[in-house]
Protein backbone atom coordinates (compact mmCIF):
# COMPACT_ATOMS: atom_id res chain seq x y z
CA MET A 1 -51.26 -81.37 199.28
CA SER A 2 -53.94 -83.11 197.36
CA GLY A 3 -54.96 -83.64 193.78
CA ASN A 4 -53.17 -81.57 191.18
CA ALA A 5 -50.78 -79.96 193.65
CA MET A 6 -49.37 -83.35 194.61
CA GLU A 7 -49.00 -84.39 190.97
CA GLU A 8 -47.25 -81.14 190.10
CA GLY A 9 -44.90 -81.54 193.03
CA LEU A 10 -43.97 -85.05 191.90
CA ILE A 11 -43.51 -84.01 188.29
CA GLN A 12 -41.10 -81.27 189.35
CA GLN A 13 -39.03 -83.85 191.25
CA ILE A 14 -38.64 -86.31 188.35
CA HIS A 15 -35.23 -85.06 187.24
CA ASN A 16 -33.87 -84.39 190.70
CA PRO A 17 -30.16 -85.39 190.69
CA SER A 18 -30.44 -87.11 194.06
CA HIS A 19 -32.71 -89.73 192.48
CA THR A 20 -29.78 -91.15 190.53
CA ASP A 21 -27.12 -90.62 193.18
CA PRO A 22 -24.56 -93.47 193.08
CA SER A 23 -24.77 -93.97 196.83
CA ARG A 24 -28.46 -94.86 196.51
CA PHE A 25 -27.64 -97.76 194.22
CA GLY A 26 -24.61 -98.72 196.30
CA PHE A 27 -26.63 -98.79 199.50
CA LEU A 28 -29.33 -100.93 197.93
CA ALA A 29 -26.81 -103.41 196.51
CA GLY A 30 -24.95 -103.49 199.83
CA ALA A 31 -28.11 -104.04 201.85
CA LEU A 32 -29.26 -106.88 199.62
CA SER A 33 -25.80 -108.45 199.75
CA GLY A 34 -25.70 -108.14 203.53
CA ILE A 35 -29.06 -109.83 203.94
CA ALA A 36 -27.98 -112.61 201.58
CA ALA A 37 -24.70 -112.99 203.47
CA MET A 38 -26.53 -113.27 206.79
CA ILE A 39 -28.86 -115.94 205.43
CA LEU A 40 -26.02 -117.88 203.81
CA LEU A 41 -23.82 -117.71 206.91
CA SER A 42 -26.72 -118.92 209.05
CA MET A 43 -27.32 -121.83 206.69
CA ILE A 44 -23.68 -122.82 206.17
CA PHE A 45 -22.51 -122.28 209.75
CA PRO A 46 -25.56 -122.80 211.99
CA ASN A 47 -23.43 -122.82 215.18
CA LEU A 48 -21.76 -119.47 214.41
CA PRO A 49 -22.71 -116.88 217.06
CA ARG A 50 -25.37 -114.46 215.83
CA LEU A 51 -23.27 -111.43 216.77
CA LEU A 52 -20.39 -112.65 214.60
CA THR A 53 -22.83 -113.40 211.77
CA ALA A 54 -24.23 -109.87 212.05
CA TYR A 55 -20.75 -108.30 212.02
CA LEU A 56 -19.67 -110.33 209.00
CA SER A 57 -22.87 -109.38 207.19
CA LEU A 58 -22.29 -105.71 208.00
CA ALA A 59 -18.78 -106.01 206.58
CA VAL A 60 -20.18 -107.50 203.37
CA THR A 61 -22.77 -104.71 203.24
CA ALA A 62 -20.14 -101.99 203.61
CA LEU A 63 -17.76 -103.60 201.13
CA ILE A 64 -20.31 -104.22 198.36
CA GLY A 65 -22.00 -100.84 198.87
CA THR A 66 -18.68 -99.00 198.67
CA LEU A 67 -17.52 -100.91 195.60
CA ILE A 68 -20.76 -100.32 193.70
CA THR A 69 -20.85 -96.62 194.61
CA ARG A 70 -17.23 -96.09 193.55
CA ARG A 71 -17.70 -98.02 190.29
CA ILE A 72 -20.76 -95.96 189.30
CA THR A 73 -19.00 -92.71 190.24
CA ARG A 74 -15.91 -93.67 188.21
CA ALA A 75 -18.00 -94.64 185.15
CA ARG A 76 -19.90 -91.34 185.29
CA LYS A 77 -16.67 -89.38 185.59
CA ILE A 78 -15.15 -91.19 182.59
CA ARG A 79 -18.30 -90.51 180.51
CA ASP A 80 -18.20 -86.84 181.50
CA VAL A 81 -14.51 -86.50 180.60
CA ASN A 82 -15.05 -88.22 177.23
CA ARG A 83 -18.00 -85.94 176.47
CA LYS A 84 -15.91 -82.85 177.27
CA ILE A 85 -13.03 -84.11 175.10
CA GLU A 86 -15.44 -84.64 172.18
CA MET A 87 -16.87 -81.16 172.64
CA ARG A 88 -13.38 -79.64 172.66
CA GLU A 89 -12.39 -81.56 169.51
CA ALA A 90 -15.57 -80.42 167.76
CA HIS A 91 -14.88 -76.82 168.77
CA GLN A 92 -11.30 -77.05 167.51
CA ALA A 93 -12.44 -78.55 164.19
CA GLU A 94 -15.00 -75.75 163.78
CA THR A 95 -12.33 -73.15 164.53
CA VAL A 96 -9.97 -74.65 161.95
CA ARG A 97 -12.80 -74.73 159.39
CA LYS A 98 -13.69 -71.07 160.00
CA ILE A 99 -10.04 -70.01 159.76
CA ALA A 100 -9.76 -71.83 156.42
CA LEU A 101 -12.90 -70.07 155.16
CA MET A 102 -11.55 -66.70 156.28
CA LYS A 103 -8.26 -67.31 154.48
CA ALA A 104 -10.21 -68.26 151.37
CA GLY A 105 -12.11 -64.99 151.62
CA GLU A 106 -15.53 -66.57 152.05
CA ILE A 107 -16.08 -65.07 155.51
CA SER A 108 -15.29 -61.46 156.35
CA ASP A 109 -12.92 -61.01 159.21
CA THR A 110 -15.02 -58.31 160.88
CA ALA A 111 -17.35 -59.32 163.63
CA PRO A 112 -21.08 -58.63 163.09
C-alpha cells in the first residue's frame, strides 16, 4: 500500500471498536505501574533479589491492569444501561402522548 490507498485504509480504521477496548488501557496502565514498581523496589530495597523484584512488579502489573480494565468496563456498562432506560422512558412517554391524542380525536386510530 502506498499513497492514497494507505490513507484510505487508515481512515476506515478510525472508528474500529478495538481501538477503545478497555483491556488496551488496562494493559498500558498496568505496564507503566509495573515498571514504576520495579524501579521503586530497586531503589527502596537495593538488596532484594532481582527475581523477587520482577515477580512483585508482575503482580503489580496484573493487579493494576485488571482493576483499570474492570473499572472501564463497568462504567461503560452503566452508561449503556442508563441510555437504554432513557430511551425506554422516552418511548413510553411518546406512547402515552399518542394515546391521549387518539382519545381526544386528534389522531385517527387507523394505521396509514
